[in-house]
Structure formats: structure tokens, C-alpha cells
Amino acid sequence: MVNLTSMSGFLLMGFSDERYLQILHALMFLVTYLLAFIGNLLIITIITLDLRLHSPMYYFLKHLSLLDLCFISVTVPQSIANSLMDNGYISLAQCILQVFFFIALASSEVAILTVMSYDRYAAICQPLRYETIMDPSACRHAVIAVWIAGGLSGLVHTAVNFSIPLCGERVIHQFFCDVPQMLKLACSTEFINEIAVAAFTTSIAFICLISIVLSYIRIFSTVLRIPSAEGRTKVFSTCLPHLFVVTFFLSVAGFEFLRPPSDSPSAMDLMFSVFYTVIPPMLNPVIYSLRNDAMKAALKKVLSKEEFAQRKMYLKAMFKL
């Protein structure tokens, strides 16, 4: 038996102790990870290569895909490796990095979704001022603010969380270093600082949610006044996927983080964590590419033989230089 109290790291319990279920979990997570990784990487590549997609909406979408790609890479590969090796141990350094990047990227994703909703509001409700409001400089500053805000949030959470003294066995009933589960290991009420930080972060996320809801109320009220049914359909096809992503991500994550952690971990805890850590990064490429005519046209262009020939000639010319 491993002396869990003497470990410097933590033991992640994962989904099951049964070997065949561990292999099944690893295979399912691997397929999900590859789909999310390839899909988001494809969106980033298409938007970068196609000059017709160099607009604020797709600029923010590219950064959302980059965030999703990084977000799913923080937890899933480690979980796959643990399942394949039948070893749930994670070192203290790995856990610190996982908590930092998980919180930072999740916070950045909430921020970029808020910026994207404002971009849609400006494009639909203030079309004459749109180019002035969302000029390239403003877009760059918004994205920089998103990444900085996420980094600061991750830094504060990580510093406070790992300054708390832990008691008892270092067992985390999750497939990654989940902050709510880690707080259950804290000695007595020493985690009050982390609760205060979490409450502040939740308040900011709630403000973002209110901003998104208000933006879409204005958007839908404007769209319903459009006389053309085709125009309404086009706007709804652009906005509804974004609204779905925001609602799904924030509702599931908010429910998981705000509810008190149970003393007896259940399969429901693991399922909810999968819903906000794995599913959104996999769904985003499908939602934003398959329902978007411009993205589908750009994908066909990138995959066409003519485009490959042009890229090949360009690379040959570059190597000759």
C-alpha cells in the first residue's frame, strides 16, 4: 500500500479501478482529444490563410480556438497517460501547473466569449459605427486584455490554493487537479481565502454573463425588426451557435463550482467535469465551421488541389531564397 500522507503530490482517482474501464476511458478521451485538437487547429489554419476571414469576428474565433486547443490539452493528455499506465499519481509541480493553466484558460475563455458577444452586438446593432468600434487596434487590445486577465486569475487562484495546508490523504476524486475537490483536503477552515478568491472570480464571470445576455437581448430585438426573412436567418445562424456555446459552458461550469462538494464523490461529479472541460473544445469547431458558409468555403479552398499547388510553389520559392 502507498503511504498517501507522505506523498508530495496527489493521487487522481479517475473514473474506475477496473483495468478494462481504464483502457476504454483512455481510448474515448484520446478520440475526443484528437477531434478537438484537429478541429481547432484547422479553424486557426483556415482563418490565418484565408484573407477573406481577416475580420474581427473570425479574429476572435481564432483566439477562441487557440484557447480551446490549450484548454483541453491541460487535463486530457495527463488523464490518458494515467489510465494507460494504471497510475493516478501526479506530482506537486504538475498539479500546480495544471491548476494555473486550467483556471487561466477557463477565465480567458469566458472573457473572449464576452468580447465576441460585444462584437456581434456592434456589428448588428451599430453597423455604421462597426468599423470604428472594432478597428484592428481595438481588437488587438481586447485579445491582449483577455489573455492578461486569464493569466492573473490563474496566478491568484494557484497562489492562494497551494498556500493552504492540507491534512490527511492526498486523494483527489477527479481525473485532474480540480480546485473544489482539493479544498476538501484543507485543514479545518484554512481555505477561507480560496473561497473569497473563488467568490470574486464567480462575480466577474456573472458580470460577463449579464453582459452577454444584454448584448443578445439587443441583438435579437434588432434582428426581429429586419423585414427580410433571409437576413434574419443569416443573423440567427451566426449568433445562435455563439449563444449555445456561452450558455453550455457557463451553466455547467457554474453549477459544478458553486454547488458544495459532496463528501461521497459520485459518477455525476466526473460527468459534470467532462461537460465543461472536454465537450466545449470539441463542439466549438463543429458549431462554428459546419454552420458557417464562409468557413466551409474557406475550408474547400484550403483543401483544393489548386491551393495545394500554390502553397507548394510558394514553399519552393522560399527554400530557393
C-alpha atoms as a PDB file:
ATOM      1  CA  MET A   1       0.000   0.000   0.000  1.00  0.00           C
ATOM      2  CA  VAL A   2       1.203   3.500  -0.812  1.00  0.00           C
ATOM      3  CA  ASN A   3       1.558   5.853   2.149  1.00  0.00           C
ATOM      4  CA  LEU A   4      -0.664   8.632   0.776  1.00  0.00           C
ATOM      5  CA  THR A   5       0.006  11.023   3.654  1.00  0.00           C
ATOM      6  CA  SER A   6       3.731  11.101   2.849  1.00  0.00           C
ATOM      7  CA  MET A   7       3.273  11.894  -0.863  1.00  0.00           C
ATOM      8  CA  SER A   8       4.424  15.306  -2.083  1.00  0.00           C
ATOM      9  CA  GLY A   9       1.980  15.053  -4.963  1.00  0.00           C
ATOM     10  CA  PHE A  10      -1.589  13.795  -5.300  1.00  0.00           C
ATOM     11  CA  LEU A  11      -3.442  10.660  -6.323  1.00  0.00           C
ATOM     12  CA  LEU A  12      -6.089  11.189  -9.008  1.00  0.00           C
ATOM     13  CA  MET A  13      -8.780   8.536  -8.668  1.00  0.00           C
ATOM     14  CA  GLY A  14     -10.099   8.922 -12.217  1.00  0.00           C
ATOM     15  CA  PHE A  15     -13.157   7.034 -13.472  1.00  0.00           C
ATOM     16  CA  SER A  16     -12.575   3.445 -12.370  1.00  0.00           C
ATOM     17  CA  ASP A  17     -10.198   0.966 -10.767  1.00  0.00           C
ATOM     18  CA  GLU A  18     -11.136  -1.704 -13.317  1.00  0.00           C
ATOM     19  CA  ARG A  19      -8.366  -2.139 -15.891  1.00  0.00           C
ATOM     20  CA  TYR A  20     -10.616  -2.601 -18.934  1.00  0.00           C
ATOM     21  CA  LEU A  21     -12.607   0.512 -17.994  1.00  0.00           C
ATOM     22  CA  GLN A  22      -9.365   2.477 -17.672  1.00  0.00           C
ATOM     23  CA  ILE A  23      -8.368   1.414 -21.196  1.00  0.00           C
ATOM     24  CA  LEU A  24     -11.845   2.303 -22.501  1.00  0.00           C
ATOM     25  CA  HIS A  25     -11.647   5.715 -20.837  1.00  0.00           C
ATOM     26  CA  ALA A  26      -8.209   6.330 -22.331  1.00  0.00           C
ATOM     27  CA  LEU A  27      -9.421   5.423 -25.838  1.00  0.00           C
ATOM     28  CA  MET A  28     -12.540   7.603 -25.562  1.00  0.00           C
ATOM     29  CA  PHE A  29     -10.535  10.557 -24.264  1.00  0.00           C
ATOM     30  CA  LEU A  30      -7.932  10.037 -26.995  1.00  0.00           C
ATOM     31  CA  VAL A  31     -10.558  10.138 -29.760  1.00  0.00           C
ATOM     32  CA  THR A  32     -12.197  13.201 -28.196  1.00  0.00           C
ATOM     33  CA  TYR A  33      -8.852  14.940 -27.796  1.00  0.00           C
ATOM     34  CA  LEU A  34      -7.806  14.272 -31.396  1.00  0.00           C
ATOM     35  CA  LEU A  35     -11.142  15.556 -32.712  1.00  0.00           C
ATOM     36  CA  ALA A  36     -10.890  18.726 -30.631  1.00  0.00           C
ATOM     37  CA  PHE A  37      -7.209  19.259 -31.428  1.00  0.00           C
ATOM     38  CA  ILE A  38      -7.567  18.750 -35.195  1.00  0.00           C
ATOM     39  CA  GLY A  39     -10.801  20.748 -35.391  1.00  0.00           C
ATOM     40  CA  ASN A  40      -9.477  23.779 -33.530  1.00  0.00           C
ATOM     41  CA  LEU A  41      -6.134  23.643 -35.319  1.00  0.00           C
ATOM     42  CA  LEU A  42      -7.992  23.537 -38.643  1.00  0.00           C
ATOM     43  CA  ILE A  43     -10.004  26.652 -37.721  1.00  0.00           C
ATOM     44  CA  ILE A  44      -6.834  28.513 -36.740  1.00  0.00           C
ATOM     45  CA  THR A  45      -5.141  27.492 -40.009  1.00  0.00           C
ATOM     46  CA  ILE A  46      -8.112  28.389 -42.226  1.00  0.00           C
ATOM     47  CA  ILE A  47      -8.610  31.820 -40.649  1.00  0.00           C
ATOM     48  CA  THR A  48      -4.890  32.548 -40.860  1.00  0.00           C
ATOM     49  CA  LEU A  49      -4.548  31.541 -44.528  1.00  0.00           C
ATOM     50  CA  ASP A  50      -7.801  32.939 -45.963  1.00  0.00           C
ATOM     51  CA  LEU A  51      -7.634  36.729 -46.307  1.00  0.00           C
ATOM     52  CA  ARG A  52     -11.435  36.925 -46.615  1.00  0.00           C
ATOM     53  CA  LEU A  53     -11.705  35.813 -42.993  1.00  0.00           C
ATOM     54  CA  HIS A  54      -9.448  38.562 -41.644  1.00  0.00           C
ATOM     55  CA  SER A  55     -12.291  40.340 -39.858  1.00  0.00           C
ATOM     56  CA  PRO A  56     -12.925  40.941 -36.119  1.00  0.00           C
ATOM     57  CA  MET A  57     -15.427  38.068 -35.783  1.00  0.00           C
ATOM     58  CA  TYR A  58     -13.007  35.484 -37.179  1.00  0.00           C
ATOM     59  CA  TYR A  59     -10.049  37.072 -35.393  1.00  0.00           C
ATOM     60  CA  PHE A  60     -11.793  36.421 -32.075  1.00  0.00           C
ATOM     61  CA  LEU A  61     -12.878  32.973 -33.247  1.00  0.00           C
ATOM     62  CA  LYS A  62      -9.246  32.105 -33.969  1.00  0.00           C
ATOM     63  CA  HIS A  63      -8.272  33.021 -30.418  1.00  0.00           C
ATOM     64  CA  LEU A  64     -11.235  31.058 -29.027  1.00  0.00           C
ATOM     65  CA  SER A  65      -9.990  28.016 -30.943  1.00  0.00           C
ATOM     66  CA  LEU A  66      -6.473  28.571 -29.615  1.00  0.00           C
ATOM     67  CA  LEU A  67      -7.860  28.771 -26.071  1.00  0.00           C
ATOM     68  CA  ASP A  68      -9.905  25.601 -26.609  1.00  0.00           C
ATOM     69  CA  LEU A  69      -6.895  23.774 -28.008  1.00  0.00           C
ATOM     70  CA  CYS A  70      -4.784  24.720 -24.978  1.00  0.00           C
ATOM     71  CA  PHE A  71      -7.657  24.197 -22.507  1.00  0.00           C
ATOM     72  CA  ILE A  72      -8.289  20.576 -23.452  1.00  0.00           C
ATOM     73  CA  SER A  73      -4.528  19.904 -23.557  1.00  0.00           C
ATOM     74  CA  VAL A  74      -4.180  20.828 -19.875  1.00  0.00           C
ATOM     75  CA  THR A  75      -6.228  17.941 -18.472  1.00  0.00           C
ATOM     76  CA  VAL A  76      -6.958  15.246 -21.067  1.00  0.00           C
ATOM     77  CA  PRO A  77      -3.434  14.047 -22.072  1.00  0.00           C
ATOM     78  CA  GLN A  78      -2.458  13.655 -18.402  1.00  0.00           C
ATOM     79  CA  SER A  79      -5.645  11.668 -17.750  1.00  0.00           C
ATOM     80  CA  ILE A  80      -4.992   9.431 -20.772  1.00  0.00           C
ATOM     81  CA  ALA A  81      -1.437   8.742 -19.598  1.00  0.00           C
ATOM     82  CA  ASN A  82      -2.610   7.940 -16.054  1.00  0.00           C
ATOM     83  CA  SER A  83      -5.223   5.482 -17.344  1.00  0.00           C
ATOM     84  CA  LEU A  84      -2.825   3.714 -19.721  1.00  0.00           C
ATOM     85  CA  MET A  85      -0.138   3.376 -17.041  1.00  0.00           C
ATOM     86  CA  ASP A  86      -2.676   2.443 -14.339  1.00  0.00           C
ATOM     87  CA  ASN A  87      -1.109   5.104 -12.145  1.00  0.00           C
ATOM     88  CA  GLY A  88      -3.072   8.143 -10.967  1.00  0.00           C
ATOM     89  CA  TYR A  89      -0.143   9.842  -9.273  1.00  0.00           C
ATOM     90  CA  ILE A  90       0.522  13.465 -10.237  1.00  0.00           C
ATOM     91  CA  SER A  91       3.445  15.413  -8.805  1.00  0.00           C
ATOM     92  CA  LEU A  92       3.006  18.658  -6.911  1.00  0.00           C
ATOM     93  CA  ALA A  93       4.662  20.672  -9.709  1.00  0.00           C
ATOM     94  CA  GLN A  94       2.401  19.099 -12.343  1.00  0.00           C
ATOM     95  CA  CYS A  95      -0.659  19.798 -10.218  1.00  0.00           C
ATOM     96  CA  ILE A  96       0.346  23.439  -9.693  1.00  0.00           C
ATOM     97  CA  LEU A  97       0.834  23.929 -13.434  1.00  0.00           C
ATOM     98  CA  GLN A  98      -2.447  22.162 -14.195  1.00  0.00           C
ATOM     99  CA  VAL A  99      -4.419  24.366 -11.793  1.00  0.00           C
ATOM    100  CA  PHE A 100      -2.774  27.538 -13.100  1.00  0.00           C
ATOM    101  CA  PHE A 101      -3.372  26.832 -16.785  1.00  0.00           C
ATOM    102  CA  PHE A 102      -6.848  25.403 -16.188  1.00  0.00           C
ATOM    103  CA  ILE A 103      -8.062  28.498 -14.296  1.00  0.00           C
ATOM    104  CA  ALA A 104      -6.212  30.908 -16.607  1.00  0.00           C
ATOM    105  CA  LEU A 105      -7.590  29.390 -19.808  1.00  0.00           C
ATOM    106  CA  ALA A 106     -11.117  28.983 -18.415  1.00  0.00           C
ATOM    107  CA  SER A 107     -11.136  32.639 -17.337  1.00  0.00           C
ATOM    108  CA  SER A 108      -9.768  33.715 -20.716  1.00  0.00           C
ATOM    109  CA  GLU A 109     -12.465  31.685 -22.478  1.00  0.00           C
ATOM    110  CA  VAL A 110     -15.223  33.454 -20.522  1.00  0.00           C
ATOM    111  CA  ALA A 111     -13.609  36.792 -21.405  1.00  0.00           C
ATOM    112  CA  ILE A 112     -13.251  36.029 -25.135  1.00  0.00           C
ATOM    113  CA  LEU A 113     -16.874  34.840 -25.308  1.00  0.00           C
ATOM    114  CA  THR A 114     -17.904  38.167 -23.768  1.00  0.00           C
ATOM    115  CA  VAL A 115     -15.826  40.079 -26.322  1.00  0.00           C
ATOM    116  CA  MET A 116     -17.360  38.023 -29.154  1.00  0.00           C
ATOM    117  CA  SER A 117     -20.878  38.855 -27.968  1.00  0.00           C
ATOM    118  CA  TYR A 118     -19.997  42.562 -27.937  1.00  0.00           C
ATOM    119  CA  ASP A 119     -18.552  42.224 -31.450  1.00  0.00           C
ATOM    120  CA  ARG A 120     -21.845  40.726 -32.679  1.00  0.00           C
ATOM    121  CA  TYR A 121     -23.769  43.494 -30.889  1.00  0.00           C
ATOM    122  CA  ALA A 122     -21.668  46.193 -32.562  1.00  0.00           C
ATOM    123  CA  ALA A 123     -21.966  44.530 -35.995  1.00  0.00           C
ATOM    124  CA  ILE A 124     -25.749  44.112 -35.869  1.00  0.00           C
ATOM    125  CA  CYS A 125     -26.981  46.986 -33.708  1.00  0.00           C
ATOM    126  CA  GLN A 126     -24.462  49.649 -34.748  1.00  0.00           C
ATOM    127  CA  PRO A 127     -23.400  48.684 -38.293  1.00  0.00           C
ATOM    128  CA  LEU A 128     -22.474  52.227 -39.348  1.00  0.00           C
ATOM    129  CA  ARG A 129     -20.004  52.585 -36.468  1.00  0.00           C
ATOM    130  CA  TYR A 130     -18.803  48.964 -36.509  1.00  0.00           C
ATOM    131  CA  GLU A 131     -15.501  49.575 -38.324  1.00  0.00           C
ATOM    132  CA  THR A 132     -14.705  52.421 -35.934  1.00  0.00           C
ATOM    133  CA  ILE A 133     -15.643  50.488 -32.801  1.00  0.00           C
ATOM    134  CA  MET A 134     -13.915  47.225 -33.776  1.00  0.00           C
ATOM    135  CA  ASP A 135     -10.871  48.602 -35.568  1.00  0.00           C
ATOM    136  CA  PRO A 136      -7.737  46.388 -35.670  1.00  0.00           C
ATOM    137  CA  SER A 137      -6.127  48.205 -32.745  1.00  0.00           C
ATOM    138  CA  ALA A 138      -9.205  47.725 -30.535  1.00  0.00           C
ATOM    139  CA  CYS A 139      -9.348  44.026 -31.449  1.00  0.00           C
ATOM    140  CA  ARG A 140      -5.688  43.507 -30.556  1.00  0.00           C
ATOM    141  CA  HIS A 141      -6.093  45.333 -27.248  1.00  0.00           C
ATOM    142  CA  ALA A 142      -9.192  43.279 -26.419  1.00  0.00           C
ATOM    143  CA  VAL A 143      -7.370  39.989 -27.066  1.00  0.00           C
ATOM    144  CA  ILE A 144      -4.342  41.121 -25.036  1.00  0.00           C
ATOM    145  CA  ALA A 145      -6.668  42.044 -22.160  1.00  0.00           C
ATOM    146  CA  VAL A 146      -8.322  38.610 -22.407  1.00  0.00           C
ATOM    147  CA  TRP A 147      -5.021  36.737 -22.077  1.00  0.00           C
ATOM    148  CA  ILE A 148      -3.714  39.011 -19.298  1.00  0.00           C
ATOM    149  CA  ALA A 149      -6.947  38.744 -17.291  1.00  0.00           C
ATOM    150  CA  GLY A 150      -6.868  34.955 -17.582  1.00  0.00           C
ATOM    151  CA  GLY A 151      -3.222  34.792 -16.538  1.00  0.00           C
ATOM    152  CA  LEU A 152      -3.805  36.977 -13.476  1.00  0.00           C
ATOM    153  CA  SER A 153      -6.832  34.914 -12.459  1.00  0.00           C
ATOM    154  CA  GLY A 154      -4.837  31.693 -12.750  1.00  0.00           C
ATOM    155  CA  LEU A 155      -1.916  33.151 -10.823  1.00  0.00           C
ATOM    156  CA  VAL A 156      -4.063  34.356  -7.918  1.00  0.00           C
ATOM    157  CA  HIS A 157      -6.040  31.106  -7.667  1.00  0.00           C
ATOM    158  CA  THR A 158      -2.887  28.982  -7.802  1.00  0.00           C
ATOM    159  CA  ALA A 159      -1.009  31.072  -5.219  1.00  0.00           C
ATOM    160  CA  VAL A 160      -3.906  31.028  -2.752  1.00  0.00           C
ATOM    161  CA  ASN A 161      -4.885  27.390  -3.335  1.00  0.00           C
ATOM    162  CA  PHE A 162      -1.405  25.966  -2.797  1.00  0.00           C
ATOM    163  CA  SER A 163      -0.697  28.125   0.255  1.00  0.00           C
ATOM    164  CA  ILE A 164      -3.414  26.223   2.151  1.00  0.00           C
ATOM    165  CA  PRO A 165      -2.102  23.479   4.497  1.00  0.00           C
ATOM    166  CA  LEU A 166      -3.502  20.054   3.649  1.00  0.00           C
ATOM    167  CA  CYS A 167      -4.468  17.293   6.077  1.00  0.00           C
ATOM    168  CA  GLY A 168      -4.951  13.586   5.558  1.00  0.00           C
ATOM    169  CA  GLU A 169      -4.561  11.538   2.422  1.00  0.00           C
ATOM    170  CA  ARG A 170      -3.878  13.491  -0.786  1.00  0.00           C
ATOM    171  CA  VAL A 171      -6.545  11.783  -2.847  1.00  0.00           C
ATOM    172  CA  ILE A 172      -8.476  13.814  -5.443  1.00  0.00           C
ATOM    173  CA  HIS A 173     -11.667  12.189  -6.703  1.00  0.00           C
ATOM    174  CA  GLN A 174     -11.322  13.597 -10.198  1.00  0.00           C
ATOM    175  CA  PHE A 175      -9.292  12.960 -13.353  1.00  0.00           C
ATOM    176  CA  PHE A 176      -7.408  16.250 -12.914  1.00  0.00           C
ATOM    177  CA  CYS A 177      -6.399  18.635 -10.106  1.00  0.00           C
ATOM    178  CA  ASP A 178      -9.841  20.097  -9.513  1.00  0.00           C
ATOM    179  CA  VAL A 179      -9.864  23.061  -7.105  1.00  0.00           C
ATOM    180  CA  PRO A 180     -13.206  22.238  -5.370  1.00  0.00           C
ATOM    181  CA  GLN A 181     -12.032  18.682  -4.734  1.00  0.00           C
ATOM    182  CA  MET A 182      -8.663  19.926  -3.455  1.00  0.00           C
ATOM    183  CA  LEU A 183     -10.381  22.232  -0.953  1.00  0.00           C
ATOM    184  CA  LYS A 184     -11.830  19.137   0.715  1.00  0.00           C
ATOM    185  CA  LEU A 185      -8.248  18.226   1.698  1.00  0.00           C
ATOM    186  CA  ALA A 186      -7.666  21.532   3.521  1.00  0.00           C
ATOM    187  CA  CYS A 187      -7.188  21.571   7.285  1.00  0.00           C
ATOM    188  CA  SER A 188     -10.293  22.896   9.105  1.00  0.00           C
ATOM    189  CA  THR A 189     -11.277  26.335   7.723  1.00  0.00           C
ATOM    190  CA  GLU A 190      -7.916  27.277   6.237  1.00  0.00           C
ATOM    191  CA  PHE A 191      -9.480  27.501   2.771  1.00  0.00           C
ATOM    192  CA  ILE A 192     -11.440  30.688   3.505  1.00  0.00           C
ATOM    193  CA  ASN A 193      -9.034  32.754   1.339  1.00  0.00           C
ATOM    194  CA  GLU A 194      -9.595  30.483  -1.649  1.00  0.00           C
ATOM    195  CA  ILE A 195     -13.366  30.757  -1.172  1.00  0.00           C
ATOM    196  CA  ALA A 196     -13.039  34.555  -1.185  1.00  0.00           C
ATOM    197  CA  VAL A 197     -10.994  34.453  -4.412  1.00  0.00           C
ATOM    198  CA  ALA A 198     -13.453  31.994  -5.971  1.00  0.00           C
ATOM    199  CA  ALA A 199     -16.360  34.254  -4.994  1.00  0.00           C
ATOM    200  CA  PHE A 200     -14.647  37.240  -6.625  1.00  0.00           C
ATOM    201  CA  THR A 201     -13.944  35.255  -9.802  1.00  0.00           C
ATOM    202  CA  THR A 202     -17.521  33.985  -9.868  1.00  0.00           C
ATOM    203  CA  SER A 203     -18.775  37.574  -9.550  1.00  0.00           C
ATOM    204  CA  ILE A 204     -16.675  38.604 -12.555  1.00  0.00           C
ATOM    205  CA  ALA A 205     -17.973  35.614 -14.535  1.00  0.00           C
ATOM    206  CA  PHE A 206     -21.530  36.584 -13.565  1.00  0.00           C
ATOM    207  CA  ILE A 207     -20.915  40.139 -14.806  1.00  0.00           C
ATOM    208  CA  CYS A 208     -19.644  38.674 -18.101  1.00  0.00           C
ATOM    209  CA  LEU A 209     -22.772  36.521 -18.334  1.00  0.00           C
ATOM    210  CA  ILE A 210     -25.033  39.535 -17.726  1.00  0.00           C
ATOM    211  CA  SER A 211     -23.132  41.484 -20.410  1.00  0.00           C
ATOM    212  CA  ILE A 212     -23.573  38.630 -22.874  1.00  0.00           C
ATOM    213  CA  VAL A 213     -27.295  38.312 -22.113  1.00  0.00           C
ATOM    214  CA  LEU A 214     -27.847  42.066 -22.501  1.00  0.00           C
ATOM    215  CA  SER A 215     -25.936  42.048 -25.799  1.00  0.00           C
ATOM    216  CA  TYR A 216     -28.112  39.260 -27.188  1.00  0.00           C
ATOM    217  CA  ILE A 217     -31.318  40.879 -25.982  1.00  0.00           C
ATOM    218  CA  ARG A 218     -30.368  43.947 -28.003  1.00  0.00           C
ATOM    219  CA  ILE A 219     -29.285  41.790 -30.941  1.00  0.00           C
ATOM    220  CA  PHE A 220     -32.493  39.761 -31.075  1.00  0.00           C
ATOM    221  CA  SER A 221     -34.684  42.836 -30.674  1.00  0.00           C
ATOM    222  CA  THR A 222     -32.867  44.396 -33.639  1.00  0.00           C
ATOM    223  CA  VAL A 223     -32.996  41.205 -35.720  1.00  0.00           C
ATOM    224  CA  LEU A 224     -36.754  40.816 -35.248  1.00  0.00           C
ATOM    225  CA  ARG A 225     -37.234  44.235 -36.866  1.00  0.00           C
ATOM    226  CA  ILE A 226     -35.396  43.152 -40.038  1.00  0.00           C
ATOM    227  CA  PRO A 227     -38.026  42.858 -42.800  1.00  0.00           C
ATOM    228  CA  SER A 228     -36.100  40.252 -44.776  1.00  0.00           C
ATOM    229  CA  ALA A 229     -36.569  36.661 -43.597  1.00  0.00           C
ATOM    230  CA  GLU A 230     -33.263  35.748 -45.265  1.00  0.00           C
ATOM    231  CA  GLY A 231     -31.492  38.489 -43.298  1.00  0.00           C
ATOM    232  CA  ARG A 232     -32.967  37.254 -40.021  1.00  0.00           C
ATOM    233  CA  THR A 233     -31.913  33.689 -40.823  1.00  0.00           C
ATOM    234  CA  LYS A 234     -28.353  34.757 -41.599  1.00  0.00           C
ATOM    235  CA  VAL A 235     -28.015  36.697 -38.342  1.00  0.00           C
ATOM    236  CA  PHE A 236     -29.533  33.919 -36.249  1.00  0.00           C
ATOM    237  CA  SER A 237     -27.221  31.340 -37.854  1.00  0.00           C
ATOM    238  CA  THR A 238     -24.258  33.480 -36.758  1.00  0.00           C
ATOM    239  CA  CYS A 239     -25.429  34.341 -33.253  1.00  0.00           C
ATOM    240  CA  LEU A 240     -27.247  31.237 -32.036  1.00  0.00           C
ATOM    241  CA  PRO A 241     -24.150  28.967 -32.118  1.00  0.00           C
ATOM    242  CA  HIS A 242     -22.238  31.513 -30.043  1.00  0.00           C
ATOM    243  CA  LEU A 243     -25.126  31.773 -27.582  1.00  0.00           C
ATOM    244  CA  PHE A 244     -25.259  27.981 -27.309  1.00  0.00           C
ATOM    245  CA  VAL A 245     -21.536  27.759 -26.526  1.00  0.00           C
ATOM    246  CA  VAL A 246     -21.764  30.506 -23.885  1.00  0.00           C
ATOM    247  CA  THR A 247     -24.840  29.007 -22.220  1.00  0.00           C
ATOM    248  CA  PHE A 248     -23.471  25.469 -22.174  1.00  0.00           C
ATOM    249  CA  PHE A 249     -20.009  26.383 -20.882  1.00  0.00           C
ATOM    250  CA  LEU A 250     -21.061  28.866 -18.177  1.00  0.00           C
ATOM    251  CA  SER A 251     -24.096  26.954 -16.914  1.00  0.00           C
ATOM    252  CA  VAL A 252     -22.300  23.640 -16.466  1.00  0.00           C
ATOM    253  CA  ALA A 253     -19.105  25.181 -15.062  1.00  0.00           C
ATOM    254  CA  GLY A 254     -21.076  27.475 -12.765  1.00  0.00           C
ATOM    255  CA  PHE A 255     -23.184  24.604 -11.425  1.00  0.00           C
ATOM    256  CA  GLU A 256     -20.097  22.492 -10.751  1.00  0.00           C
ATOM    257  CA  PHE A 257     -18.117  25.225  -8.992  1.00  0.00           C
ATOM    258  CA  LEU A 258     -20.939  26.808  -6.985  1.00  0.00           C
ATOM    259  CA  ARG A 259     -22.502  23.683  -5.545  1.00  0.00           C
ATOM    260  CA  PRO A 260     -20.941  22.402  -2.299  1.00  0.00           C
ATOM    261  CA  PRO A 261     -18.628  19.427  -2.870  1.00  0.00           C
ATOM    262  CA  SER A 262     -20.152  16.179  -1.640  1.00  0.00           C
ATOM    263  CA  ASP A 263     -18.431  14.008   0.933  1.00  0.00           C
ATOM    264  CA  SER A 264     -19.097  10.918  -1.164  1.00  0.00           C
ATOM    265  CA  PRO A 265     -17.882  11.524  -4.752  1.00  0.00           C
ATOM    266  CA  SER A 266     -20.182  10.143  -7.423  1.00  0.00           C
ATOM    267  CA  ALA A 267     -20.073   9.469 -11.141  1.00  0.00           C
ATOM    268  CA  MET A 268     -22.158  12.645 -11.576  1.00  0.00           C
ATOM    269  CA  ASP A 269     -19.213  14.755 -10.340  1.00  0.00           C
ATOM    270  CA  LEU A 270     -16.978  13.240 -13.012  1.00  0.00           C
ATOM    271  CA  MET A 271     -19.609  13.651 -15.726  1.00  0.00           C
ATOM    272  CA  PHE A 272     -20.126  17.340 -14.967  1.00  0.00           C
ATOM    273  CA  SER A 273     -16.384  17.942 -15.080  1.00  0.00           C
ATOM    274  CA  VAL A 274     -16.268  16.251 -18.513  1.00  0.00           C
ATOM    275  CA  PHE A 275     -19.104  18.515 -19.718  1.00  0.00           C
ATOM    276  CA  TYR A 276     -17.153  21.724 -19.072  1.00  0.00           C
ATOM    277  CA  THR A 277     -13.584  20.537 -19.669  1.00  0.00           C
ATOM    278  CA  VAL A 278     -13.842  18.208 -22.683  1.00  0.00           C
ATOM    279  CA  ILE A 279     -17.124  18.786 -24.540  1.00  0.00           C
ATOM    280  CA  PRO A 280     -16.923  22.566 -25.311  1.00  0.00           C
ATOM    281  CA  PRO A 281     -13.481  22.416 -27.006  1.00  0.00           C
ATOM    282  CA  MET A 282     -14.746  19.524 -29.133  1.00  0.00           C
ATOM    283  CA  LEU A 283     -18.084  21.175 -30.005  1.00  0.00           C
ATOM    284  CA  ASN A 284     -16.764  24.613 -30.932  1.00  0.00           C
ATOM    285  CA  PRO A 285     -15.146  23.588 -34.255  1.00  0.00           C
ATOM    286  CA  VAL A 286     -18.335  21.758 -35.281  1.00  0.00           C
ATOM    287  CA  ILE A 287     -20.631  24.641 -34.333  1.00  0.00           C
ATOM    288  CA  TYR A 288     -18.538  27.388 -35.895  1.00  0.00           C
ATOM    289  CA  SER A 289     -17.435  25.583 -39.056  1.00  0.00           C
ATOM    290  CA  LEU A 290     -20.323  23.370 -40.180  1.00  0.00           C
ATOM    291  CA  ARG A 291     -22.946  26.118 -39.719  1.00  0.00           C
ATOM    292  CA  ASN A 292     -20.859  28.898 -41.228  1.00  0.00           C
ATOM    293  CA  ASP A 293     -20.874  29.263 -45.026  1.00  0.00           C
ATOM    294  CA  ALA A 294     -17.726  31.413 -45.078  1.00  0.00           C
ATOM    295  CA  MET A 295     -15.794  28.826 -43.045  1.00  0.00           C
ATOM    296  CA  LYS A 296     -16.993  25.968 -45.271  1.00  0.00           C
ATOM    297  CA  ALA A 297     -15.994  27.874 -48.415  1.00  0.00           C
ATOM    298  CA  ALA A 298     -12.578  28.669 -46.926  1.00  0.00           C
ATOM    299  CA  LEU A 299     -12.094  25.008 -45.957  1.00  0.00           C
ATOM    300  CA  LYS A 300     -12.864  23.876 -49.508  1.00  0.00           C
ATOM    301  CA  LYS A 301     -10.405  26.428 -50.850  1.00  0.00           C
ATOM    302  CA  VAL A 302      -7.626  25.374 -48.475  1.00  0.00           C
ATOM    303  CA  LEU A 303      -8.156  21.688 -49.333  1.00  0.00           C
ATOM    304  CA  SER A 304      -8.399  22.254 -53.091  1.00  0.00           C
ATOM    305  CA  LYS A 305      -5.680  20.980 -55.421  1.00  0.00           C
ATOM    306  CA  GLU A 306      -5.043  24.472 -56.789  1.00  0.00           C
ATOM    307  CA  GLU A 307      -4.395  25.819 -53.327  1.00  0.00           C
ATOM    308  CA  PHE A 308      -2.006  22.962 -52.531  1.00  0.00           C
ATOM    309  CA  ALA A 309      -0.141  23.629 -55.789  1.00  0.00           C
ATOM    310  CA  GLN A 310       0.166  27.345 -54.975  1.00  0.00           C
ATOM    311  CA  ARG A 311       1.439  26.592 -51.472  1.00  0.00           C
ATOM    312  CA  LYS A 312       3.945  24.099 -52.880  1.00  0.00           C
ATOM    313  CA  MET A 313       5.274  26.628 -55.385  1.00  0.00           C
ATOM    314  CA  TYR A 314       5.498  29.252 -52.650  1.00  0.00           C
ATOM    315  CA  LEU A 315       7.476  26.929 -50.359  1.00  0.00           C
ATOM    316  CA  LYS A 316       9.854  26.007 -53.219  1.00  0.00           C
ATOM    317  CA  ALA A 317      10.477  29.683 -53.902  1.00  0.00           C
ATOM    318  CA  MET A 318      11.124  30.293 -50.190  1.00  0.00           C
ATOM    319  CA  PHE A 319      13.659  27.443 -49.951  1.00  0.00           C
ATOM    320  CA  LYS A 320      15.462  28.691 -53.085  1.00  0.00           C
ATOM    321  CA  LEU A 321      15.888  32.064 -51.428  1.00  0.00           C
END
